[in-house]
Amino acid sequence: MDIYKKYYVYTILSLHDFDIYTWLTTDLKTRINEHMRGVVSSTKIRVPFKLVHYEYFVNFEDAKRREIYLKSGAGRAKLKDSLKKTLAQKTYMPYRMTR
């Protein structure tokens, strides 16, 4: 076991569909760049993204438990409530919405 290993639970906001997506990684910067470049198959149709939340852990089990919680109904609702103003802002959109 690597005592210097870092685990990040992160949430990104799609500026395409304005939904949030949460995952776990050991290299936050690289993973966010992968999402932005559209190389992550589960999110490639939702590009671009904005990192809106992350948490740092030194233990994998703790990080995995947190990821599972934030993906649950209660965790997702609590996270959305915590990010209420961030999610309501649409001024950071890189393109114009048409309806």
PDB file of N, CA and C in Angstrom:
ATOM      1  N   MET A   1       0.850  -1.193   0.000  1.00  0.00           N
ATOM      2  CA  MET A   1       0.000   0.000   0.000  1.00  0.00           C
ATOM      3  C   MET A   1       0.884   1.242   0.000  1.00  0.00           C
ATOM      4  N   ASP A   2       0.576   2.172  -0.861  1.00  0.00           N
ATOM      5  CA  ASP A   2       1.334   3.410  -0.990  1.00  0.00           C
ATOM      6  C   ASP A   2       0.800   4.436   0.011  1.00  0.00           C
ATOM      7  N   ILE A   3       1.635   4.817   0.979  1.00  0.00           N
ATOM      8  CA  ILE A   3       1.180   5.767   2.006  1.00  0.00           C
ATOM      9  C   ILE A   3       1.067   7.186   1.463  1.00  0.00           C
ATOM     10  N   TYR A   4       1.594   7.420   0.269  1.00  0.00           N
ATOM     11  CA  TYR A   4       1.534   8.761  -0.323  1.00  0.00           C
ATOM     12  C   TYR A   4       0.477   8.871  -1.421  1.00  0.00           C
ATOM     13  N   LYS A   5      -0.320   7.865  -1.568  1.00  0.00           N
ATOM     14  CA  LYS A   5      -1.356   7.867  -2.596  1.00  0.00           C
ATOM     15  C   LYS A   5      -2.428   8.899  -2.242  1.00  0.00           C
ATOM     16  N   LYS A   6      -2.937   9.567  -3.259  1.00  0.00           N
ATOM     17  CA  LYS A   6      -3.987  10.573  -3.071  1.00  0.00           C
ATOM     18  C   LYS A   6      -5.221  10.124  -3.849  1.00  0.00           C
ATOM     19  N   TYR A   7      -6.368  10.362  -3.260  1.00  0.00           N
ATOM     20  CA  TYR A   7      -7.632  10.022  -3.901  1.00  0.00           C
ATOM     21  C   TYR A   7      -8.526  11.254  -3.894  1.00  0.00           C
ATOM     22  N   TYR A   8      -9.113  11.527  -5.024  1.00  0.00           N
ATOM     23  CA  TYR A   8      -9.994  12.676  -5.155  1.00  0.00           C
ATOM     24  C   TYR A   8     -11.378  12.211  -5.570  1.00  0.00           C
ATOM     25  N   VAL A   9     -12.380  12.676  -4.870  1.00  0.00           N
ATOM     26  CA  VAL A   9     -13.765  12.508  -5.295  1.00  0.00           C
ATOM     27  C   VAL A   9     -14.158  13.869  -5.856  1.00  0.00           C
ATOM     28  N   TYR A  10     -14.544  13.885  -7.111  1.00  0.00           N
ATOM     29  CA  TYR A  10     -14.784  15.172  -7.763  1.00  0.00           C
ATOM     30  C   TYR A  10     -16.146  15.192  -8.444  1.00  0.00           C
ATOM     31  N   THR A  11     -16.653  16.397  -8.609  1.00  0.00           N
ATOM     32  CA  THR A  11     -17.922  16.600  -9.299  1.00  0.00           C
ATOM     33  C   THR A  11     -17.710  17.658 -10.373  1.00  0.00           C
ATOM     34  N   ILE A  12     -18.138  17.321 -11.568  1.00  0.00           N
ATOM     35  CA  ILE A  12     -18.072  18.267 -12.678  1.00  0.00           C
ATOM     36  C   ILE A  12     -19.488  18.618 -13.110  1.00  0.00           C
ATOM     37  N   LEU A  13     -19.618  19.805 -13.639  1.00  0.00           N
ATOM     38  CA  LEU A  13     -20.891  20.290 -14.165  1.00  0.00           C
ATOM     39  C   LEU A  13     -20.777  20.348 -15.681  1.00  0.00           C
ATOM     40  N   SER A  14     -21.697  19.686 -16.360  1.00  0.00           N
ATOM     41  CA  SER A  14     -21.726  19.756 -17.814  1.00  0.00           C
ATOM     42  C   SER A  14     -22.344  21.086 -18.222  1.00  0.00           C
ATOM     43  N   LEU A  15     -21.653  21.826 -19.053  1.00  0.00           N
ATOM     44  CA  LEU A  15     -22.191  23.078 -19.578  1.00  0.00           C
ATOM     45  C   LEU A  15     -23.038  22.814 -20.821  1.00  0.00           C
ATOM     46  N   HIS A  16     -23.206  21.543 -21.130  1.00  0.00           N
ATOM     47  CA  HIS A  16     -24.064  21.130 -22.242  1.00  0.00           C
ATOM     48  C   HIS A  16     -25.474  20.829 -21.747  1.00  0.00           C
ATOM     49  N   ASP A  17     -25.582  20.009 -20.690  1.00  0.00           N
ATOM     50  CA  ASP A  17     -26.908  19.646 -20.176  1.00  0.00           C
ATOM     51  C   ASP A  17     -27.145  20.126 -18.744  1.00  0.00           C
ATOM     52  N   PHE A  18     -26.173  20.816 -18.163  1.00  0.00           N
ATOM     53  CA  PHE A  18     -26.263  21.396 -16.815  1.00  0.00           C
ATOM     54  C   PHE A  18     -26.601  20.367 -15.742  1.00  0.00           C
ATOM     55  N   ASP A  19     -26.072  19.169 -15.905  1.00  0.00           N
ATOM     56  CA  ASP A  19     -26.193  18.149 -14.867  1.00  0.00           C
ATOM     57  C   ASP A  19     -24.819  17.928 -14.267  1.00  0.00           C
ATOM     58  N   ILE A  20     -24.782  17.321 -13.081  1.00  0.00           N
ATOM     59  CA  ILE A  20     -23.513  17.082 -12.407  1.00  0.00           C
ATOM     60  C   ILE A  20     -23.159  15.600 -12.471  1.00  0.00           C
ATOM     61  N   TYR A  21     -21.860  15.326 -12.489  1.00  0.00           N
ATOM     62  CA  TYR A  21     -21.327  13.974 -12.576  1.00  0.00           C
ATOM     63  C   TYR A  21     -20.200  13.846 -11.555  1.00  0.00           C
ATOM     64  N   THR A  22     -20.226  12.762 -10.777  1.00  0.00           N
ATOM     65  CA  THR A  22     -19.261  12.554  -9.697  1.00  0.00           C
ATOM     66  C   THR A  22     -18.478  11.272  -9.929  1.00  0.00           C
ATOM     67  N   TRP A  23     -17.153  11.338  -9.722  1.00  0.00           N
ATOM     68  CA  TRP A  23     -16.268  10.187  -9.856  1.00  0.00           C
ATOM     69  C   TRP A  23     -15.135  10.252  -8.849  1.00  0.00           C
ATOM     70  N   LEU A  24     -14.310   9.217  -8.904  1.00  0.00           N
ATOM     71  CA  LEU A  24     -13.131   9.063  -8.045  1.00  0.00           C
ATOM     72  C   LEU A  24     -11.909   8.923  -8.944  1.00  0.00           C
ATOM     73  N   THR A  25     -10.812   9.588  -8.571  1.00  0.00           N
ATOM     74  CA  THR A  25      -9.574   9.494  -9.348  1.00  0.00           C
ATOM     75  C   THR A  25      -8.360   9.674  -8.435  1.00  0.00           C
ATOM     76  N   THR A  26      -7.194   9.297  -8.944  1.00  0.00           N
ATOM     77  CA  THR A  26      -5.943   9.549  -8.221  1.00  0.00           C
ATOM     78  C   THR A  26      -5.170  10.704  -8.850  1.00  0.00           C
ATOM     79  N   ASP A  27      -5.612  11.173 -10.005  1.00  0.00           N
ATOM     80  CA  ASP A  27      -4.945  12.286 -10.685  1.00  0.00           C
ATOM     81  C   ASP A  27      -6.024  13.251 -11.192  1.00  0.00           C
ATOM     82  N   LEU A  28      -6.382  14.197 -10.366  1.00  0.00           N
ATOM     83  CA  LEU A  28      -7.505  15.089 -10.656  1.00  0.00           C
ATOM     84  C   LEU A  28      -7.281  15.915 -11.919  1.00  0.00           C
ATOM     85  N   LYS A  29      -6.126  16.522 -12.047  1.00  0.00           N
ATOM     86  CA  LYS A  29      -5.863  17.397 -13.193  1.00  0.00           C
ATOM     87  C   LYS A  29      -5.950  16.632 -14.516  1.00  0.00           C
ATOM     88  N   THR A  30      -5.332  15.477 -14.573  1.00  0.00           N
ATOM     89  CA  THR A  30      -5.370  14.672 -15.795  1.00  0.00           C
ATOM     90  C   THR A  30      -6.792  14.227 -16.113  1.00  0.00           C
ATOM     91  N   ARG A  31      -7.524  13.799 -15.094  1.00  0.00           N
ATOM     92  CA  ARG A  31      -8.882  13.301 -15.314  1.00  0.00           C
ATOM     93  C   ARG A  31      -9.815  14.412 -15.813  1.00  0.00           C
ATOM     94  N   ILE A  32      -9.699  15.601 -15.248  1.00  0.00           N
ATOM     95  CA  ILE A  32     -10.523  16.720 -15.705  1.00  0.00           C
ATOM     96  C   ILE A  32     -10.191  17.045 -17.161  1.00  0.00           C
ATOM     97  N   ASN A  33      -8.905  17.035 -17.487  1.00  0.00           N
ATOM     98  CA  ASN A  33      -8.494  17.283 -18.873  1.00  0.00           C
ATOM     99  C   ASN A  33      -9.058  16.222 -19.820  1.00  0.00           C
ATOM    100  N   GLU A  34      -9.110  14.971 -19.370  1.00  0.00           N
ATOM    101  CA  GLU A  34      -9.698  13.909 -20.191  1.00  0.00           C
ATOM    102  C   GLU A  34     -11.183  14.170 -20.445  1.00  0.00           C
ATOM    103  N   HIS A  35     -11.894  14.592 -19.414  1.00  0.00           N
ATOM    104  CA  HIS A  35     -13.307  14.932 -19.593  1.00  0.00           C
ATOM    105  C   HIS A  35     -13.446  16.076 -20.591  1.00  0.00           C
ATOM    106  N   MET A  36     -12.634  17.102 -20.441  1.00  0.00           N
ATOM    107  CA  MET A  36     -12.717  18.281 -21.309  1.00  0.00           C
ATOM    108  C   MET A  36     -12.393  17.953 -22.763  1.00  0.00           C
ATOM    109  N   ARG A  37     -11.474  17.022 -22.980  1.00  0.00           N
ATOM    110  CA  ARG A  37     -11.101  16.630 -24.345  1.00  0.00           C
ATOM    111  C   ARG A  37     -12.089  15.640 -24.955  1.00  0.00           C
ATOM    112  N   GLY A  38     -13.032  15.157 -24.156  1.00  0.00           N
ATOM    113  CA  GLY A  38     -14.038  14.235 -24.670  1.00  0.00           C
ATOM    114  C   GLY A  38     -13.557  12.809 -24.834  1.00  0.00           C
ATOM    115  N   VAL A  39     -12.520  12.409 -24.097  1.00  0.00           N
ATOM    116  CA  VAL A  39     -12.002  11.041 -24.222  1.00  0.00           C
ATOM    117  C   VAL A  39     -12.597  10.079 -23.193  1.00  0.00           C
ATOM    118  N   VAL A  40     -13.418  10.580 -22.285  1.00  0.00           N
ATOM    119  CA  VAL A  40     -14.100   9.716 -21.326  1.00  0.00           C
ATOM    120  C   VAL A  40     -15.436   9.332 -21.950  1.00  0.00           C
ATOM    121  N   SER A  41     -15.598   8.050 -22.244  1.00  0.00           N
ATOM    122  CA  SER A  41     -16.761   7.614 -23.025  1.00  0.00           C
ATOM    123  C   SER A  41     -18.095   7.974 -22.373  1.00  0.00           C
ATOM    124  N   SER A  42     -18.157   7.926 -21.049  1.00  0.00           N
ATOM    125  CA  SER A  42     -19.437   8.187 -20.375  1.00  0.00           C
ATOM    126  C   SER A  42     -19.840   9.656 -20.374  1.00  0.00           C
ATOM    127  N   THR A  43     -18.913  10.563 -20.678  1.00  0.00           N
ATOM    128  CA  THR A  43     -19.246  11.991 -20.644  1.00  0.00           C
ATOM    129  C   THR A  43     -18.923  12.730 -21.939  1.00  0.00           C
ATOM    130  N   LYS A  44     -18.440  12.037 -22.950  1.00  0.00           N
ATOM    131  CA  LYS A  44     -17.963  12.742 -24.146  1.00  0.00           C
ATOM    132  C   LYS A  44     -19.041  13.549 -24.864  1.00  0.00           C
ATOM    133  N   ILE A  45     -20.304  13.147 -24.745  1.00  0.00           N
ATOM    134  CA  ILE A  45     -21.352  13.923 -25.426  1.00  0.00           C
ATOM    135  C   ILE A  45     -21.831  15.104 -24.585  1.00  0.00           C
ATOM    136  N   ARG A  46     -21.233  15.289 -23.398  1.00  0.00           N
ATOM    137  CA  ARG A  46     -21.666  16.354 -22.495  1.00  0.00           C
ATOM    138  C   ARG A  46     -20.622  17.472 -22.326  1.00  0.00           C
ATOM    139  N   VAL A  47     -19.597  17.467 -23.140  1.00  0.00           N
ATOM    140  CA  VAL A  47     -18.535  18.472 -23.114  1.00  0.00           C
ATOM    141  C   VAL A  47     -19.140  19.824 -23.461  1.00  0.00           C
ATOM    142  N   PRO A  48     -18.693  20.924 -22.891  1.00  0.00           N
ATOM    143  CA  PRO A  48     -17.597  21.127 -21.948  1.00  0.00           C
ATOM    144  C   PRO A  48     -18.054  20.991 -20.490  1.00  0.00           C
ATOM    145  N   PHE A  49     -17.064  20.983 -19.605  1.00  0.00           N
ATOM    146  CA  PHE A  49     -17.319  20.813 -18.182  1.00  0.00           C
ATOM    147  C   PHE A  49     -16.651  21.895 -17.357  1.00  0.00           C
ATOM    148  N   LYS A  50     -17.147  22.013 -16.141  1.00  0.00           N
ATOM    149  CA  LYS A  50     -16.528  22.889 -15.157  1.00  0.00           C
ATOM    150  C   LYS A  50     -16.418  22.083 -13.865  1.00  0.00           C
ATOM    151  N   LEU A  51     -15.234  22.054 -13.274  1.00  0.00           N
ATOM    152  CA  LEU A  51     -15.047  21.408 -11.983  1.00  0.00           C
ATOM    153  C   LEU A  51     -15.731  22.278 -10.934  1.00  0.00           C
ATOM    154  N   VAL A  52     -16.684  21.716 -10.193  1.00  0.00           N
ATOM    155  CA  VAL A  52     -17.432  22.509  -9.222  1.00  0.00           C
ATOM    156  C   VAL A  52     -17.210  22.049  -7.780  1.00  0.00           C
ATOM    157  N   HIS A  53     -16.611  20.863  -7.599  1.00  0.00           N
ATOM    158  CA  HIS A  53     -16.415  20.362  -6.239  1.00  0.00           C
ATOM    159  C   HIS A  53     -15.419  19.207  -6.260  1.00  0.00           C
ATOM    160  N   TYR A  54     -14.528  19.169  -5.258  1.00  0.00           N
ATOM    161  CA  TYR A  54     -13.699  17.984  -5.080  1.00  0.00           C
ATOM    162  C   TYR A  54     -13.300  17.858  -3.622  1.00  0.00           C
ATOM    163  N   GLU A  55     -13.013  16.625  -3.237  1.00  0.00           N
ATOM    164  CA  GLU A  55     -12.563  16.306  -1.884  1.00  0.00           C
ATOM    165  C   GLU A  55     -11.339  15.410  -1.998  1.00  0.00           C
ATOM    166  N   TYR A  56     -10.391  15.599  -1.081  1.00  0.00           N
ATOM    167  CA  TYR A  56      -9.131  14.862  -1.079  1.00  0.00           C
ATOM    168  C   TYR A  56      -9.132  13.841   0.056  1.00  0.00           C
ATOM    169  N   PHE A  57      -8.687  12.614  -0.248  1.00  0.00           N
ATOM    170  CA  PHE A  57      -8.614  11.541   0.741  1.00  0.00           C
ATOM    171  C   PHE A  57      -7.257  10.861   0.667  1.00  0.00           C
ATOM    172  N   VAL A  58      -6.821  10.307   1.787  1.00  0.00           N
ATOM    173  CA  VAL A  58      -5.578   9.530   1.823  1.00  0.00           C
ATOM    174  C   VAL A  58      -5.874   8.039   1.915  1.00  0.00           C
ATOM    175  N   ASN A  59      -7.144   7.676   2.003  1.00  0.00           N
ATOM    176  CA  ASN A  59      -7.546   6.286   2.118  1.00  0.00           C
ATOM    177  C   ASN A  59      -8.567   5.967   1.035  1.00  0.00           C
ATOM    178  N   PHE A  60      -8.297   4.908   0.265  1.00  0.00           N
ATOM    179  CA  PHE A  60      -9.177   4.547  -0.851  1.00  0.00           C
ATOM    180  C   PHE A  60     -10.581   4.203  -0.381  1.00  0.00           C
ATOM    181  N   GLU A  61     -10.700   3.425   0.681  1.00  0.00           N
ATOM    182  CA  GLU A  61     -12.017   3.004   1.153  1.00  0.00           C
ATOM    183  C   GLU A  61     -12.875   4.208   1.552  1.00  0.00           C
ATOM    184  N   ASP A  62     -12.262   5.186   2.214  1.00  0.00           N
ATOM    185  CA  ASP A  62     -13.000   6.401   2.586  1.00  0.00           C
ATOM    186  C   ASP A  62     -13.460   7.159   1.341  1.00  0.00           C
ATOM    187  N   ALA A  63     -12.565   7.265   0.363  1.00  0.00           N
ATOM    188  CA  ALA A  63     -12.894   7.976  -0.872  1.00  0.00           C
ATOM    189  C   ALA A  63     -14.010   7.254  -1.628  1.00  0.00           C
ATOM    190  N   LYS A  64     -13.930   5.931  -1.715  1.00  0.00           N
ATOM    191  CA  LYS A  64     -14.945   5.157  -2.429  1.00  0.00           C
ATOM    192  C   LYS A  64     -16.304   5.273  -1.744  1.00  0.00           C
ATOM    193  N   ARG A  65     -16.300   5.234  -0.427  1.00  0.00           N
ATOM    194  CA  ARG A  65     -17.554   5.380   0.325  1.00  0.00           C
ATOM    195  C   ARG A  65     -18.179   6.757   0.063  1.00  0.00           C
ATOM    196  N   ARG A  66     -17.333   7.792   0.011  1.00  0.00           N
ATOM    197  CA  ARG A  66     -17.829   9.145  -0.249  1.00  0.00           C
ATOM    198  C   ARG A  66     -18.383   9.263  -1.669  1.00  0.00           C
ATOM    199  N   GLU A  67     -17.686   8.672  -2.632  1.00  0.00           N
ATOM    200  CA  GLU A  67     -18.168   8.696  -4.016  1.00  0.00           C
ATOM    201  C   GLU A  67     -19.541   8.028  -4.105  1.00  0.00           C
ATOM    202  N   ILE A  68     -19.675   6.874  -3.494  1.00  0.00           N
ATOM    203  CA  ILE A  68     -20.954   6.152  -3.516  1.00  0.00           C
ATOM    204  C   ILE A  68     -22.052   6.997  -2.882  1.00  0.00           C
ATOM    205  N   TYR A  69     -21.735   7.652  -1.764  1.00  0.00           N
ATOM    206  CA  TYR A  69     -22.735   8.500  -1.109  1.00  0.00           C
ATOM    207  C   TYR A  69     -23.153   9.661  -2.010  1.00  0.00           C
ATOM    208  N   LEU A  70     -22.172  10.350  -2.621  1.00  0.00           N
ATOM    209  CA  LEU A  70     -22.493  11.507  -3.455  1.00  0.00           C
ATOM    210  C   LEU A  70     -23.258  11.120  -4.717  1.00  0.00           C
ATOM    211  N   LYS A  71     -23.172   9.866  -5.125  1.00  0.00           N
ATOM    212  CA  LYS A  71     -23.934   9.379  -6.271  1.00  0.00           C
ATOM    213  C   LYS A  71     -25.323   8.890  -5.871  1.00  0.00           C
ATOM    214  N   SER A  72     -25.553   8.720  -4.569  1.00  0.00           N
ATOM    215  CA  SER A  72     -26.864   8.269  -4.091  1.00  0.00           C
ATOM    216  C   SER A  72     -27.854   9.425  -4.170  1.00  0.00           C
ATOM    217  N   GLY A  73     -29.118   9.118  -4.060  1.00  0.00           N
ATOM    218  CA  GLY A  73     -30.143  10.158  -4.106  1.00  0.00           C
ATOM    219  C   GLY A  73     -29.957  11.210  -3.035  1.00  0.00           C
ATOM    220  N   ALA A  74     -29.728  10.771  -1.792  1.00  0.00           N
ATOM    221  CA  ALA A  74     -29.561  11.718  -0.680  1.00  0.00           C
ATOM    222  C   ALA A  74     -28.277  12.525  -0.830  1.00  0.00           C
ATOM    223  N   GLY A  75     -27.194  11.868  -1.211  1.00  0.00           N
ATOM    224  CA  GLY A  75     -25.915  12.566  -1.372  1.00  0.00           C
ATOM    225  C   GLY A  75     -25.944  13.558  -2.509  1.00  0.00           C
ATOM    226  N   ARG A  76     -26.545  13.169  -3.602  1.00  0.00           N
ATOM    227  CA  ARG A  76     -26.661  14.058  -4.768  1.00  0.00           C
ATOM    228  C   ARG A  76     -27.510  15.280  -4.428  1.00  0.00           C
ATOM    229  N   ALA A  77     -28.601  15.056  -3.697  1.00  0.00           N
ATOM    230  CA  ALA A  77     -29.469  16.179  -3.298  1.00  0.00           C
ATOM    231  C   ALA A  77     -28.723  17.127  -2.368  1.00  0.00           C
ATOM    232  N   LYS A  78     -27.968  16.573  -1.427  1.00  0.00           N
ATOM    233  CA  LYS A  78     -27.217  17.407  -0.484  1.00  0.00           C
ATOM    234  C   LYS A  78     -26.124  18.195  -1.215  1.00  0.00           C
ATOM    235  N   LEU A  79     -25.450  17.542  -2.157  1.00  0.00           N
ATOM    236  CA  LEU A  79     -24.417  18.217  -2.930  1.00  0.00           C
ATOM    237  C   LEU A  79     -25.024  19.339  -3.765  1.00  0.00           C
ATOM    238  N   LYS A  80     -26.144  19.071  -4.415  1.00  0.00           N
ATOM    239  CA  LYS A  80     -26.804  20.107  -5.213  1.00  0.00           C
ATOM    240  C   LYS A  80     -27.245  21.275  -4.337  1.00  0.00           C
ATOM    241  N   ASP A  81     -27.689  20.975  -3.120  1.00  0.00           N
ATOM    242  CA  ASP A  81     -28.078  22.042  -2.200  1.00  0.00           C
ATOM    243  C   ASP A  81     -26.858  22.869  -1.796  1.00  0.00           C
ATOM    244  N   SER A  82     -25.731  22.206  -1.563  1.00  0.00           N
ATOM    245  CA  SER A  82     -24.494  22.911  -1.198  1.00  0.00           C
ATOM    246  C   SER A  82     -23.992  23.792  -2.335  1.00  0.00           C
ATOM    247  N   LEU A  83     -24.266  23.377  -3.555  1.00  0.00           N
ATOM    248  CA  LEU A  83     -23.794  24.105  -4.739  1.00  0.00           C
ATOM    249  C   LEU A  83     -24.896  24.922  -5.403  1.00  0.00           C
ATOM    250  N   LYS A  84     -25.922  25.232  -4.652  1.00  0.00           N
ATOM    251  CA  LYS A  84     -27.119  25.881  -5.206  1.00  0.00           C
ATOM    252  C   LYS A  84     -26.792  27.124  -6.040  1.00  0.00           C
ATOM    253  N   LYS A  85     -25.989  28.023  -5.513  1.00  0.00           N
ATOM    254  CA  LYS A  85     -25.672  29.268  -6.241  1.00  0.00           C
ATOM    255  C   LYS A  85     -24.776  28.991  -7.445  1.00  0.00           C
ATOM    256  N   THR A  86     -23.838  28.069  -7.284  1.00  0.00           N
ATOM    257  CA  THR A  86     -22.951  27.696  -8.399  1.00  0.00           C
ATOM    258  C   THR A  86     -23.756  27.113  -9.542  1.00  0.00           C
ATOM    259  N   LEU A  87     -24.692  26.231  -9.222  1.00  0.00           N
ATOM    260  CA  LEU A  87     -25.485  25.577 -10.262  1.00  0.00           C
ATOM    261  C   LEU A  87     -26.508  26.516 -10.888  1.00  0.00           C
ATOM    262  N   ALA A  88     -26.914  27.534 -10.158  1.00  0.00           N
ATOM    263  CA  ALA A  88     -27.897  28.493 -10.676  1.00  0.00           C
ATOM    264  C   ALA A  88     -27.271  29.499 -11.636  1.00  0.00           C
ATOM    265  N   GLN A  89     -25.963  29.764 -11.471  1.00  0.00           N
ATOM    266  CA  GLN A  89     -25.280  30.724 -12.342  1.00  0.00           C
ATOM    267  C   GLN A  89     -25.137  30.142 -13.735  1.00  0.00           C
ATOM    268  N   LYS A  90     -25.503  30.899 -14.698  1.00  0.00           N
ATOM    269  CA  LYS A  90     -25.307  30.437 -16.075  1.00  0.00           C
ATOM    270  C   LYS A  90     -24.429  31.434 -16.836  1.00  0.00           C
ATOM    271  N   THR A  91     -23.756  32.314 -16.101  1.00  0.00           N
ATOM    272  CA  THR A  91     -22.926  33.345 -16.716  1.00  0.00           C
ATOM    273  C   THR A  91     -21.607  32.793 -17.225  1.00  0.00           C
ATOM    274  N   TYR A  92     -21.218  31.592 -16.805  1.00  0.00           N
ATOM    275  CA  TYR A  92     -19.953  31.026 -17.229  1.00  0.00           C
ATOM    276  C   TYR A  92     -20.100  30.162 -18.474  1.00  0.00           C
ATOM    277  N   MET A  93     -21.288  30.194 -19.093  1.00  0.00           N
ATOM    278  CA  MET A  93     -21.528  29.378 -20.269  1.00  0.00           C
ATOM    279  C   MET A  93     -20.627  29.849 -21.409  1.00  0.00           C
ATOM    280  N   PRO A  94     -19.954  28.920 -22.080  1.00  0.00           N
ATOM    281  CA  PRO A  94     -19.070  29.309 -23.178  1.00  0.00           C
ATOM    282  C   PRO A  94     -19.814  29.536 -24.499  1.00  0.00           C
ATOM    283  N   TYR A  95     -21.098  29.310 -24.511  1.00  0.00           N
ATOM    284  CA  TYR A  95     -21.873  29.492 -25.725  1.00  0.00           C
ATOM    285  C   TYR A  95     -23.245  30.020 -25.344  1.00  0.00           C
ATOM    286  N   ARG A  96     -23.987  30.427 -26.311  1.00  0.00           N
ATOM    287  CA  ARG A  96     -25.302  31.028 -26.083  1.00  0.00           C
ATOM    288  C   ARG A  96     -26.399  29.984 -26.243  1.00  0.00           C
ATOM    289  N   MET A  97     -27.303  29.961 -25.285  1.00  0.00           N
ATOM    290  CA  MET A  97     -28.439  29.035 -25.358  1.00  0.00           C
ATOM    291  C   MET A  97     -29.492  29.618 -26.275  1.00  0.00           C
ATOM    292  N   THR A  98     -30.094  28.775 -27.093  1.00  0.00           N
ATOM    293  CA  THR A  98     -31.191  29.200 -27.939  1.00  0.00           C
ATOM    294  C   THR A  98     -32.393  28.334 -27.649  1.00  0.00           C
ATOM    295  N   ARG A  99     -33.532  28.932 -27.560  1.00  0.00           N
ATOM    296  CA  ARG A  99     -34.770  28.182 -27.291  1.00  0.00           C
ATOM    297  C   ARG A  99     -35.852  28.660 -28.206  1.00  0.00           C
TER     298      ARG A  99
END
